[in-house]
Amino acid sequence: RVEVEKPYFVYFSSSDDELVGFWDQREEKLGNQLQCVRTLQNYFDRQSNFNLMIRVHPNLKNKAQEVIEKWESLESSHMTRVFKAQDTISSYALLDGSIGSISFGSTMCIEAAFSYKPSLVLSDCGYDEIGAVDKGNTWQEVTNWIESGHLLSEVELQQRKIHSCIRGYFLATAGLKFQHTLLEEKGWGAWE
């Protein structure tokens, strides 16, 4: 667990393999992932209500040196703390202590919904349309979510947990033959 004076959100960076989806073209309306993290750091440093913990994906060590150097350039700031890929802190411990999660599409954000934590994604991802997370399409939407939009009722958190199971079911059964189901349409999201 992380000891901080203020309530905190946690940003989970995404590895390239988590950013793969089923769309022809992925939109990054707010900029690329590293730009988004830097914008978040600037926002959090200008306010005094919340901290931001940034967890760089542990798989970064297996990426190209150029990618490693970009992420290694992130530094902690006044209201943010960066946990590097090689840091041994548990992502789940960070999540448990947080008041919400933010991501570019990391699976931790959907796991947060399963764990009754509000979640915000900043880009198209594999689970942004199943009712388990919020999606920021503008920086105003992002800051509104951080300030108060993350405050969800127990009923809404329960619904999001249920919706997060859709993604888990998809990951567990993709490629397996469905029983008691007749596939009537093939196309986006359907397979034989």
N, C-alpha and C. Protein backbone atom coordinates (compact mmCIF):
# COMPACT_ATOMS: atom_id res chain seq x y z
N ARG A 1 0.84 -1.18 0.00
CA ARG A 1 0.00 0.00 0.00
C ARG A 1 0.89 1.25 0.00
N VAL A 2 0.38 2.29 -0.65
CA VAL A 2 1.12 3.55 -0.76
C VAL A 2 0.61 4.51 0.31
N GLU A 3 1.53 5.15 1.01
CA GLU A 3 1.16 6.13 2.01
C GLU A 3 1.22 7.52 1.39
N VAL A 4 0.08 8.17 1.30
CA VAL A 4 -0.01 9.53 0.78
C VAL A 4 -1.00 10.30 1.64
N GLU A 5 -0.85 11.61 1.65
CA GLU A 5 -1.73 12.45 2.47
C GLU A 5 -3.10 12.63 1.85
N LYS A 6 -3.19 12.63 0.54
CA LYS A 6 -4.44 12.91 -0.15
C LYS A 6 -4.98 11.64 -0.80
N PRO A 7 -6.29 11.60 -1.05
CA PRO A 7 -6.82 10.49 -1.84
C PRO A 7 -6.14 10.51 -3.21
N TYR A 8 -5.99 9.33 -3.81
CA TYR A 8 -5.29 9.30 -5.09
C TYR A 8 -6.01 8.46 -6.14
N PHE A 9 -5.75 8.86 -7.38
CA PHE A 9 -6.11 8.06 -8.54
C PHE A 9 -4.84 7.36 -8.98
N VAL A 10 -5.00 6.27 -9.70
CA VAL A 10 -3.84 5.58 -10.22
C VAL A 10 -3.98 5.46 -11.74
N TYR A 11 -2.90 5.83 -12.44
CA TYR A 11 -2.86 5.67 -13.89
C TYR A 11 -2.04 4.42 -14.18
N PHE A 12 -2.63 3.50 -14.92
CA PHE A 12 -1.92 2.29 -15.34
C PHE A 12 -1.57 2.45 -16.81
N SER A 13 -0.27 2.48 -17.11
CA SER A 13 0.12 2.58 -18.52
C SER A 13 -0.18 1.27 -19.22
N SER A 14 -0.36 1.35 -20.51
CA SER A 14 -0.71 0.19 -21.32
C SER A 14 0.48 -0.25 -22.14
N SER A 15 0.61 -1.54 -22.26
CA SER A 15 1.59 -2.12 -23.16
C SER A 15 0.93 -2.23 -24.53
N ASP A 16 1.73 -2.24 -25.58
CA ASP A 16 1.19 -2.28 -26.94
C ASP A 16 0.20 -3.42 -27.15
N ASP A 17 0.47 -4.57 -26.54
CA ASP A 17 -0.40 -5.72 -26.76
C ASP A 17 -1.78 -5.51 -26.14
N GLU A 18 -1.91 -4.62 -25.17
CA GLU A 18 -3.21 -4.32 -24.59
C GLU A 18 -4.00 -3.34 -25.44
N LEU A 19 -3.33 -2.64 -26.32
CA LEU A 19 -3.99 -1.61 -27.12
C LEU A 19 -4.58 -2.16 -28.42
N VAL A 20 -4.43 -3.45 -28.64
CA VAL A 20 -4.97 -4.06 -29.85
C VAL A 20 -6.47 -4.25 -29.68
N GLY A 21 -7.23 -3.90 -30.70
CA GLY A 21 -8.68 -4.05 -30.63
C GLY A 21 -9.23 -4.58 -31.93
N PHE A 22 -10.52 -4.45 -32.10
CA PHE A 22 -11.17 -5.00 -33.28
C PHE A 22 -11.61 -3.93 -34.26
N TRP A 23 -11.14 -2.72 -34.10
CA TRP A 23 -11.55 -1.64 -34.99
C TRP A 23 -10.52 -1.46 -36.09
N ASP A 24 -10.96 -0.86 -37.19
CA ASP A 24 -10.05 -0.62 -38.31
C ASP A 24 -9.06 0.49 -37.98
N GLN A 25 -9.51 1.47 -37.24
CA GLN A 25 -8.66 2.60 -36.92
C GLN A 25 -8.94 3.05 -35.50
N ARG A 26 -7.92 3.13 -34.70
CA ARG A 26 -8.04 3.51 -33.30
C ARG A 26 -7.85 5.00 -33.16
N GLU A 27 -8.74 5.68 -32.46
CA GLU A 27 -8.62 7.12 -32.27
C GLU A 27 -7.94 7.44 -30.95
N GLU A 28 -7.05 8.40 -31.00
CA GLU A 28 -6.41 8.93 -29.81
C GLU A 28 -6.73 10.42 -29.76
N LYS A 29 -7.97 10.72 -29.36
CA LYS A 29 -8.46 12.10 -29.39
C LYS A 29 -7.69 13.03 -28.47
N LEU A 30 -7.11 12.50 -27.42
CA LEU A 30 -6.43 13.32 -26.42
C LEU A 30 -4.91 13.35 -26.60
N GLY A 31 -4.41 12.67 -27.62
CA GLY A 31 -2.98 12.56 -27.85
C GLY A 31 -2.53 11.13 -27.60
N ASN A 32 -1.23 10.88 -27.81
CA ASN A 32 -0.74 9.53 -27.54
C ASN A 32 -0.63 9.31 -26.04
N GLN A 33 -0.35 8.10 -25.65
CA GLN A 33 -0.39 7.74 -24.23
C GLN A 33 0.57 8.58 -23.37
N LEU A 34 1.79 8.75 -23.81
CA LEU A 34 2.75 9.52 -23.02
C LEU A 34 2.34 10.99 -22.93
N GLN A 35 1.80 11.54 -23.99
CA GLN A 35 1.28 12.91 -23.94
C GLN A 35 0.15 13.02 -22.92
N CYS A 36 -0.72 12.03 -22.89
CA CYS A 36 -1.82 12.04 -21.93
C CYS A 36 -1.31 11.99 -20.50
N VAL A 37 -0.31 11.18 -20.24
CA VAL A 37 0.24 11.08 -18.88
C VAL A 37 0.83 12.43 -18.46
N ARG A 38 1.55 13.06 -19.36
CA ARG A 38 2.15 14.37 -19.03
C ARG A 38 1.06 15.43 -18.80
N THR A 39 0.00 15.39 -19.59
CA THR A 39 -1.11 16.32 -19.38
C THR A 39 -1.78 16.07 -18.03
N LEU A 40 -1.94 14.80 -17.68
CA LEU A 40 -2.50 14.47 -16.37
C LEU A 40 -1.60 14.99 -15.24
N GLN A 41 -0.29 14.81 -15.39
CA GLN A 41 0.62 15.31 -14.37
C GLN A 41 0.47 16.82 -14.21
N ASN A 42 0.39 17.54 -15.31
CA ASN A 42 0.22 19.00 -15.24
C ASN A 42 -1.09 19.36 -14.55
N TYR A 43 -2.16 18.64 -14.87
CA TYR A 43 -3.44 18.91 -14.23
C TYR A 43 -3.36 18.66 -12.73
N PHE A 44 -2.85 17.51 -12.33
CA PHE A 44 -2.80 17.17 -10.91
C PHE A 44 -1.90 18.14 -10.14
N ASP A 45 -0.84 18.63 -10.77
CA ASP A 45 0.05 19.58 -10.09
C ASP A 45 -0.59 20.95 -9.90
N ARG A 46 -1.64 21.25 -10.65
CA ARG A 46 -2.33 22.55 -10.52
C ARG A 46 -3.48 22.51 -9.53
N GLN A 47 -3.81 21.36 -9.00
CA GLN A 47 -4.91 21.26 -8.03
C GLN A 47 -4.33 20.69 -6.73
N SER A 48 -5.14 20.65 -5.69
CA SER A 48 -4.61 20.20 -4.40
C SER A 48 -5.50 19.18 -3.69
N ASN A 49 -6.47 18.63 -4.39
CA ASN A 49 -7.39 17.69 -3.74
C ASN A 49 -6.96 16.23 -3.84
N PHE A 50 -6.27 15.87 -4.92
CA PHE A 50 -5.94 14.47 -5.18
C PHE A 50 -4.49 14.33 -5.63
N ASN A 51 -3.93 13.15 -5.34
CA ASN A 51 -2.65 12.76 -5.91
C ASN A 51 -2.90 11.83 -7.09
N LEU A 52 -1.87 11.66 -7.90
CA LEU A 52 -1.91 10.72 -9.00
C LEU A 52 -0.71 9.80 -8.89
N MET A 53 -0.96 8.50 -8.84
CA MET A 53 0.10 7.50 -8.89
C MET A 53 0.14 6.96 -10.31
N ILE A 54 1.31 6.91 -10.89
CA ILE A 54 1.47 6.43 -12.27
C ILE A 54 2.25 5.13 -12.22
N ARG A 55 1.62 4.06 -12.66
CA ARG A 55 2.27 2.75 -12.69
C ARG A 55 2.64 2.44 -14.13
N VAL A 56 3.95 2.50 -14.42
CA VAL A 56 4.44 2.15 -15.75
C VAL A 56 4.35 0.63 -15.89
N HIS A 57 3.88 0.18 -17.03
CA HIS A 57 3.63 -1.24 -17.26
C HIS A 57 4.89 -2.07 -16.99
N PRO A 58 4.78 -3.11 -16.18
CA PRO A 58 5.95 -3.93 -15.85
C PRO A 58 6.59 -4.60 -17.06
N ASN A 59 5.84 -4.78 -18.15
CA ASN A 59 6.40 -5.42 -19.35
C ASN A 59 7.26 -4.47 -20.17
N LEU A 60 7.42 -3.24 -19.73
CA LEU A 60 8.24 -2.28 -20.48
C LEU A 60 9.65 -2.79 -20.70
N LYS A 61 10.16 -3.56 -19.77
CA LYS A 61 11.53 -4.06 -19.88
C LYS A 61 11.75 -4.92 -21.12
N ASN A 62 10.67 -5.43 -21.71
CA ASN A 62 10.76 -6.26 -22.90
C ASN A 62 10.54 -5.48 -24.20
N LYS A 63 10.50 -4.17 -24.10
CA LYS A 63 10.24 -3.33 -25.27
C LYS A 63 11.56 -2.79 -25.84
N ALA A 64 11.45 -2.13 -26.98
CA ALA A 64 12.62 -1.54 -27.63
C ALA A 64 13.22 -0.44 -26.74
N GLN A 65 14.51 -0.24 -26.83
CA GLN A 65 15.21 0.74 -26.01
C GLN A 65 14.61 2.14 -26.15
N GLU A 66 14.19 2.49 -27.34
CA GLU A 66 13.58 3.80 -27.59
C GLU A 66 12.29 3.98 -26.76
N VAL A 67 11.50 2.93 -26.68
CA VAL A 67 10.26 2.98 -25.91
C VAL A 67 10.59 3.05 -24.42
N ILE A 68 11.54 2.27 -23.98
CA ILE A 68 11.96 2.29 -22.57
C ILE A 68 12.42 3.69 -22.18
N GLU A 69 13.22 4.32 -23.01
CA GLU A 69 13.74 5.65 -22.70
C GLU A 69 12.63 6.69 -22.60
N LYS A 70 11.63 6.59 -23.45
CA LYS A 70 10.50 7.53 -23.38
C LYS A 70 9.80 7.44 -22.03
N TRP A 71 9.49 6.21 -21.61
CA TRP A 71 8.78 6.03 -20.35
C TRP A 71 9.68 6.30 -19.15
N GLU A 72 10.96 6.03 -19.27
CA GLU A 72 11.89 6.30 -18.17
C GLU A 72 12.07 7.80 -17.97
N SER A 73 11.71 8.61 -18.96
CA SER A 73 11.85 10.07 -18.81
C SER A 73 10.78 10.66 -17.89
N LEU A 74 9.74 9.89 -17.58
CA LEU A 74 8.71 10.37 -16.65
C LEU A 74 9.30 10.49 -15.25
N GLU A 75 9.03 11.60 -14.60
CA GLU A 75 9.51 11.84 -13.24
C GLU A 75 8.33 12.18 -12.33
N SER A 76 8.46 11.85 -11.07
CA SER A 76 7.46 12.26 -10.09
C SER A 76 7.45 13.78 -10.01
N SER A 77 6.32 14.33 -9.60
CA SER A 77 6.18 15.78 -9.49
C SER A 77 5.46 16.12 -8.18
N HIS A 78 5.06 17.36 -8.05
CA HIS A 78 4.45 17.84 -6.81
C HIS A 78 3.30 16.95 -6.33
N MET A 79 2.37 16.62 -7.20
CA MET A 79 1.18 15.85 -6.81
C MET A 79 1.12 14.47 -7.48
N THR A 80 2.20 14.07 -8.16
CA THR A 80 2.20 12.77 -8.82
C THR A 80 3.43 11.98 -8.40
N ARG A 81 3.27 10.67 -8.44
CA ARG A 81 4.40 9.78 -8.14
C ARG A 81 4.46 8.72 -9.22
N VAL A 82 5.64 8.54 -9.79
CA VAL A 82 5.83 7.58 -10.87
C VAL A 82 6.48 6.32 -10.32
N PHE A 83 5.85 5.19 -10.61
CA PHE A 83 6.42 3.89 -10.29
C PHE A 83 6.92 3.31 -11.61
N LYS A 84 8.22 3.11 -11.69
CA LYS A 84 8.85 2.62 -12.93
C LYS A 84 8.52 1.14 -13.13
N ALA A 85 8.81 0.66 -14.34
CA ALA A 85 8.50 -0.73 -14.69
C ALA A 85 9.20 -1.71 -13.73
N GLN A 86 10.41 -1.40 -13.32
CA GLN A 86 11.17 -2.31 -12.48
C GLN A 86 10.81 -2.22 -10.99
N ASP A 87 10.00 -1.25 -10.60
CA ASP A 87 9.59 -1.14 -9.20
C ASP A 87 8.73 -2.35 -8.82
N THR A 88 8.90 -2.80 -7.59
CA THR A 88 8.22 -4.03 -7.18
C THR A 88 6.84 -3.80 -6.58
N ILE A 89 6.35 -2.60 -6.61
CA ILE A 89 5.02 -2.33 -6.04
C ILE A 89 3.95 -3.11 -6.81
N SER A 90 3.00 -3.61 -6.09
CA SER A 90 1.91 -4.36 -6.70
C SER A 90 0.90 -3.41 -7.32
N SER A 91 0.54 -3.66 -8.56
CA SER A 91 -0.50 -2.87 -9.21
C SER A 91 -1.82 -3.01 -8.46
N TYR A 92 -2.07 -4.19 -7.92
CA TYR A 92 -3.31 -4.42 -7.18
C TYR A 92 -3.32 -3.65 -5.86
N ALA A 93 -2.16 -3.53 -5.21
CA ALA A 93 -2.09 -2.73 -4.00
C ALA A 93 -2.37 -1.26 -4.32
N LEU A 94 -1.82 -0.78 -5.44
CA LEU A 94 -2.10 0.59 -5.86
C LEU A 94 -3.59 0.78 -6.13
N LEU A 95 -4.18 -0.17 -6.82
CA LEU A 95 -5.60 -0.10 -7.13
C LEU A 95 -6.44 -0.12 -5.85
N ASP A 96 -6.12 -1.02 -4.95
CA ASP A 96 -6.90 -1.15 -3.72
C ASP A 96 -6.94 0.14 -2.92
N GLY A 97 -5.83 0.88 -2.88
CA GLY A 97 -5.77 2.10 -2.11
C GLY A 97 -6.30 3.33 -2.82
N SER A 98 -6.62 3.18 -4.09
CA SER A 98 -7.03 4.33 -4.91
C SER A 98 -8.52 4.62 -4.78
N ILE A 99 -8.88 5.81 -5.27
CA ILE A 99 -10.31 6.14 -5.37
C ILE A 99 -10.81 5.96 -6.80
N GLY A 100 -9.92 5.59 -7.71
CA GLY A 100 -10.31 5.34 -9.10
C GLY A 100 -9.09 5.12 -9.96
N SER A 101 -9.32 4.56 -11.13
CA SER A 101 -8.21 4.29 -12.05
C SER A 101 -8.43 5.00 -13.38
N ILE A 102 -7.31 5.31 -14.00
CA ILE A 102 -7.29 5.96 -15.32
C ILE A 102 -6.31 5.17 -16.17
N SER A 103 -6.62 5.03 -17.45
CA SER A 103 -5.74 4.28 -18.33
C SER A 103 -6.00 4.65 -19.78
N PHE A 104 -5.12 4.19 -20.61
CA PHE A 104 -5.23 4.32 -22.06
C PHE A 104 -5.84 3.05 -22.65
N GLY A 105 -6.10 2.07 -21.78
CA GLY A 105 -6.67 0.81 -22.23
C GLY A 105 -6.09 -0.40 -21.52
N SER A 106 -5.36 -0.17 -20.45
CA SER A 106 -4.79 -1.27 -19.68
C SER A 106 -5.88 -2.17 -19.13
N THR A 107 -5.59 -3.45 -19.06
CA THR A 107 -6.55 -4.38 -18.48
C THR A 107 -6.80 -4.07 -17.00
N MET A 108 -5.89 -3.34 -16.35
CA MET A 108 -6.10 -2.97 -14.95
C MET A 108 -7.34 -2.08 -14.79
N CYS A 109 -7.69 -1.32 -15.81
CA CYS A 109 -8.84 -0.43 -15.72
C CYS A 109 -10.15 -1.23 -15.71
N ILE A 110 -10.20 -2.31 -16.47
CA ILE A 110 -11.39 -3.16 -16.44
C ILE A 110 -11.39 -3.99 -15.16
N GLU A 111 -10.21 -4.36 -14.68
CA GLU A 111 -10.12 -5.06 -13.40
C GLU A 111 -10.56 -4.14 -12.27
N ALA A 112 -10.30 -2.86 -12.41
CA ALA A 112 -10.75 -1.89 -11.41
C ALA A 112 -12.27 -1.89 -11.33
N ALA A 113 -12.93 -1.92 -12.48
CA ALA A 113 -14.39 -1.96 -12.49
C ALA A 113 -14.89 -3.22 -11.78
N PHE A 114 -14.21 -4.33 -12.00
CA PHE A 114 -14.56 -5.58 -11.32
C PHE A 114 -14.36 -5.45 -9.80
N SER A 115 -13.42 -4.59 -9.40
CA SER A 115 -13.09 -4.39 -7.98
C SER A 115 -13.86 -3.22 -7.37
N TYR A 116 -14.96 -2.82 -8.00
CA TYR A 116 -15.81 -1.73 -7.50
C TYR A 116 -15.09 -0.38 -7.46
N LYS A 117 -14.18 -0.16 -8.38
CA LYS A 117 -13.49 1.13 -8.48
C LYS A 117 -13.94 1.82 -9.76
N PRO A 118 -14.22 3.12 -9.70
CA PRO A 118 -14.54 3.85 -10.93
C PRO A 118 -13.31 3.87 -11.85
N SER A 119 -13.56 3.78 -13.13
CA SER A 119 -12.48 3.72 -14.11
C SER A 119 -12.75 4.66 -15.28
N LEU A 120 -11.69 5.25 -15.76
CA LEU A 120 -11.76 6.16 -16.91
C LEU A 120 -10.71 5.74 -17.92
N VAL A 121 -11.12 5.61 -19.18
CA VAL A 121 -10.16 5.34 -20.25
C VAL A 121 -10.04 6.59 -21.11
N LEU A 122 -8.84 6.80 -21.66
CA LEU A 122 -8.54 8.00 -22.42
C LEU A 122 -8.39 7.73 -23.92
N SER A 123 -8.76 6.55 -24.34
CA SER A 123 -8.61 6.18 -25.74
C SER A 123 -9.54 5.01 -26.04
N ASP A 124 -9.70 4.73 -27.32
CA ASP A 124 -10.42 3.51 -27.70
C ASP A 124 -9.66 2.33 -27.11
N CYS A 125 -10.40 1.37 -26.61
CA CYS A 125 -9.75 0.16 -26.10
C CYS A 125 -10.70 -1.01 -26.29
N GLY A 126 -10.31 -2.16 -25.88
CA GLY A 126 -11.10 -3.35 -26.13
C GLY A 126 -12.34 -3.49 -25.28
N TYR A 127 -12.58 -2.58 -24.35
CA TYR A 127 -13.73 -2.73 -23.46
C TYR A 127 -14.44 -1.41 -23.16
N ASP A 128 -14.22 -0.39 -23.97
CA ASP A 128 -14.76 0.93 -23.67
C ASP A 128 -16.24 1.11 -24.00
N GLU A 129 -16.88 0.10 -24.56
CA GLU A 129 -18.28 0.24 -24.94
C GLU A 129 -19.19 -0.78 -24.28
N ILE A 130 -18.77 -1.34 -23.15
CA ILE A 130 -19.60 -2.38 -22.51
C ILE A 130 -20.23 -1.89 -21.20
N GLY A 131 -20.11 -0.61 -20.92
CA GLY A 131 -20.76 -0.06 -19.73
C GLY A 131 -20.04 -0.31 -18.43
N ALA A 132 -18.75 -0.61 -18.50
CA ALA A 132 -17.98 -0.89 -17.28
C ALA A 132 -17.09 0.28 -16.88
N VAL A 133 -16.78 1.15 -17.82
CA VAL A 133 -15.86 2.27 -17.57
C VAL A 133 -16.41 3.53 -18.23
N ASP A 134 -15.90 4.66 -17.78
CA ASP A 134 -16.19 5.92 -18.46
C ASP A 134 -15.09 6.18 -19.47
N LYS A 135 -15.39 7.01 -20.47
CA LYS A 135 -14.41 7.33 -21.49
C LYS A 135 -14.33 8.84 -21.64
N GLY A 136 -13.12 9.37 -21.52
CA GLY A 136 -12.92 10.80 -21.71
C GLY A 136 -12.57 11.09 -23.15
N ASN A 137 -13.41 11.86 -23.81
CA ASN A 137 -13.15 12.23 -25.20
C ASN A 137 -12.56 13.62 -25.34
N THR A 138 -12.69 14.42 -24.29
CA THR A 138 -12.09 15.76 -24.26
C THR A 138 -11.42 15.93 -22.90
N TRP A 139 -10.50 16.88 -22.81
CA TRP A 139 -9.84 17.10 -21.52
C TRP A 139 -10.81 17.67 -20.50
N GLN A 140 -11.84 18.38 -20.95
CA GLN A 140 -12.85 18.87 -20.01
C GLN A 140 -13.61 17.70 -19.38
N GLU A 141 -13.94 16.69 -20.19
CA GLU A 141 -14.60 15.50 -19.65
C GLU A 141 -13.69 14.78 -18.65
N VAL A 142 -12.41 14.72 -18.95
CA VAL A 142 -11.46 14.06 -18.06
C VAL A 142 -11.39 14.79 -16.72
N THR A 143 -11.22 16.11 -16.76
CA THR A 143 -11.11 16.86 -15.51
C THR A 143 -12.43 16.84 -14.72
N ASN A 144 -13.56 16.87 -15.41
CA ASN A 144 -14.85 16.75 -14.72
C ASN A 144 -14.97 15.40 -14.01
N TRP A 145 -14.49 14.35 -14.67
CA TRP A 145 -14.54 13.02 -14.07
C TRP A 145 -13.66 12.96 -12.82
N ILE A 146 -12.47 13.51 -12.92
CA ILE A 146 -11.56 13.50 -11.77
C ILE A 146 -12.16 14.30 -10.61
N GLU A 147 -12.73 15.44 -10.90
CA GLU A 147 -13.25 16.31 -9.84
C GLU A 147 -14.48 15.72 -9.16
N SER A 148 -15.41 15.16 -9.94
CA SER A 148 -16.62 14.64 -9.30
C SER A 148 -17.28 13.48 -10.05
N GLY A 149 -16.97 13.31 -11.31
CA GLY A 149 -17.62 12.27 -12.11
C GLY A 149 -17.29 10.86 -11.66
N HIS A 150 -16.19 10.72 -10.92
CA HIS A 150 -15.81 9.39 -10.42
C HIS A 150 -16.65 8.95 -9.23
N LEU A 151 -17.44 9.86 -8.68
CA LEU A 151 -18.26 9.53 -7.51
C LEU A 151 -19.50 8.78 -7.96
N LEU A 152 -19.46 7.49 -7.85
CA LEU A 152 -20.55 6.63 -8.33
C LEU A 152 -21.24 5.96 -7.15
N SER A 153 -22.52 5.70 -7.32
CA SER A 153 -23.28 5.01 -6.27
C SER A 153 -22.86 3.54 -6.22
N GLU A 154 -23.20 2.90 -5.11
CA GLU A 154 -22.91 1.46 -4.96
C GLU A 154 -23.63 0.66 -6.05
N VAL A 155 -24.83 1.10 -6.40
CA VAL A 155 -25.60 0.41 -7.45
C VAL A 155 -24.87 0.51 -8.78
N GLU A 156 -24.36 1.70 -9.11
CA GLU A 156 -23.63 1.88 -10.37
C GLU A 156 -22.33 1.07 -10.37
N LEU A 157 -21.62 1.06 -9.26
CA LEU A 157 -20.39 0.27 -9.17
C LEU A 157 -20.68 -1.22 -9.34
N GLN A 158 -21.79 -1.68 -8.77
CA GLN A 158 -22.19 -3.08 -8.92
C GLN A 158 -22.51 -3.39 -10.39
N GLN A 159 -23.23 -2.48 -11.06
CA GLN A 159 -23.55 -2.68 -12.48
C GLN A 159 -22.27 -2.74 -13.32
N ARG A 160 -21.32 -1.89 -13.01
CA ARG A 160 -20.06 -1.87 -13.75
C ARG A 160 -19.28 -3.16 -13.52
N LYS A 161 -19.33 -3.67 -12.31
CA LYS A 161 -18.68 -4.96 -12.04
C LYS A 161 -19.29 -6.04 -12.92
N ILE A 162 -20.61 -6.08 -12.96
CA ILE A 162 -21.30 -7.07 -13.79
C ILE A 162 -20.90 -6.90 -15.25
N HIS A 163 -20.87 -5.66 -15.73
CA HIS A 163 -20.49 -5.40 -17.12
C HIS A 163 -19.04 -5.78 -17.39
N SER A 164 -18.18 -5.65 -16.39
CA SER A 164 -16.77 -6.03 -16.60
C SER A 164 -16.63 -7.52 -16.86
N CYS A 165 -17.58 -8.29 -16.39
CA CYS A 165 -17.53 -9.74 -16.63
C CYS A 165 -17.71 -10.07 -18.11
N ILE A 166 -18.32 -9.18 -18.86
CA ILE A 166 -18.46 -9.40 -20.31
C ILE A 166 -17.07 -9.55 -20.93
N ARG A 167 -16.16 -8.68 -20.54
CA ARG A 167 -14.79 -8.74 -21.08
C ARG A 167 -14.10 -10.03 -20.64
N GLY A 168 -14.27 -10.39 -19.38
CA GLY A 168 -13.67 -11.63 -18.89
C GLY A 168 -14.22 -12.85 -19.62
N TYR A 169 -15.52 -12.84 -19.86
CA TYR A 169 -16.13 -13.96 -20.59
C TYR A 169 -15.60 -14.02 -22.01
N PHE A 170 -15.48 -12.85 -22.65
CA PHE A 170 -14.94 -12.81 -24.01
C PHE A 170 -13.53 -13.38 -24.05
N LEU A 171 -12.69 -12.96 -23.11
CA LEU A 171 -11.30 -13.43 -23.10
C LEU A 171 -11.23 -14.92 -22.81
N ALA A 172 -12.14 -15.41 -21.98
CA ALA A 172 -12.11 -16.82 -21.61
C ALA A 172 -12.68 -17.72 -22.70
N THR A 173 -13.54 -17.20 -23.57
CA THR A 173 -14.22 -18.08 -24.52
C THR A 173 -13.91 -17.79 -25.98
N ALA A 174 -13.20 -16.72 -26.30
CA ALA A 174 -12.92 -16.41 -27.71
C ALA A 174 -12.23 -17.60 -28.36
N GLY A 175 -12.78 -18.03 -29.45
CA GLY A 175 -12.19 -19.16 -30.16
C GLY A 175 -12.78 -20.50 -29.76
N LEU A 176 -13.53 -20.53 -28.66
CA LEU A 176 -14.17 -21.76 -28.25
C LEU A 176 -15.56 -21.83 -28.89
N LYS A 177 -15.99 -23.02 -29.17
CA LYS A 177 -17.30 -23.21 -29.79
C LYS A 177 -18.40 -22.97 -28.76
N PHE A 178 -19.35 -22.14 -29.12
CA PHE A 178 -20.50 -21.91 -28.26
C PHE A 178 -21.45 -23.10 -28.36
N GLN A 179 -22.03 -23.47 -27.26
CA GLN A 179 -23.07 -24.49 -27.26
C GLN A 179 -24.40 -23.79 -27.05
N HIS A 180 -25.46 -24.36 -27.60
CA HIS A 180 -26.81 -23.84 -27.42
C HIS A 180 -26.98 -22.45 -28.02
N THR A 181 -26.17 -22.12 -29.02
CA THR A 181 -26.24 -20.80 -29.65
C THR A 181 -26.10 -20.97 -31.15
N LEU A 182 -26.95 -20.26 -31.89
CA LEU A 182 -26.86 -20.26 -33.34
C LEU A 182 -26.38 -18.88 -33.77
N LEU A 183 -25.24 -18.81 -34.43
CA LEU A 183 -24.69 -17.55 -34.88
C LEU A 183 -25.42 -17.13 -36.15
N GLU A 184 -26.14 -16.01 -36.08
CA GLU A 184 -26.92 -15.55 -37.22
C GLU A 184 -26.17 -14.53 -38.06
N GLU A 185 -25.22 -13.86 -37.51
CA GLU A 185 -24.52 -12.80 -38.23
C GLU A 185 -23.03 -12.89 -37.96
N LYS A 186 -22.25 -12.72 -39.01
CA LYS A 186 -20.81 -12.68 -38.85
C LYS A 186 -20.35 -11.28 -39.18
N GLY A 187 -19.39 -10.79 -38.47
CA GLY A 187 -18.90 -9.44 -38.68
C GLY A 187 -18.20 -8.96 -37.43
N TRP A 188 -18.30 -7.69 -37.17
CA TRP A 188 -17.62 -7.10 -36.03
C TRP A 188 -18.03 -7.82 -34.75
N GLY A 189 -17.06 -8.36 -34.03
CA GLY A 189 -17.33 -8.99 -32.75
C GLY A 189 -17.90 -10.39 -32.84
N ALA A 190 -18.06 -10.95 -34.04
CA ALA A 190 -18.60 -12.30 -34.17
C ALA A 190 -17.54 -13.20 -34.79
N TRP A 191 -17.58 -14.45 -34.43
CA TRP A 191 -16.63 -15.40 -34.96
C TRP A 191 -17.30 -16.77 -35.03
N GLU A 192 -16.70 -17.67 -35.81
CA GLU A 192 -17.25 -19.01 -35.89
C GLU A 192 -16.62 -19.90 -34.84
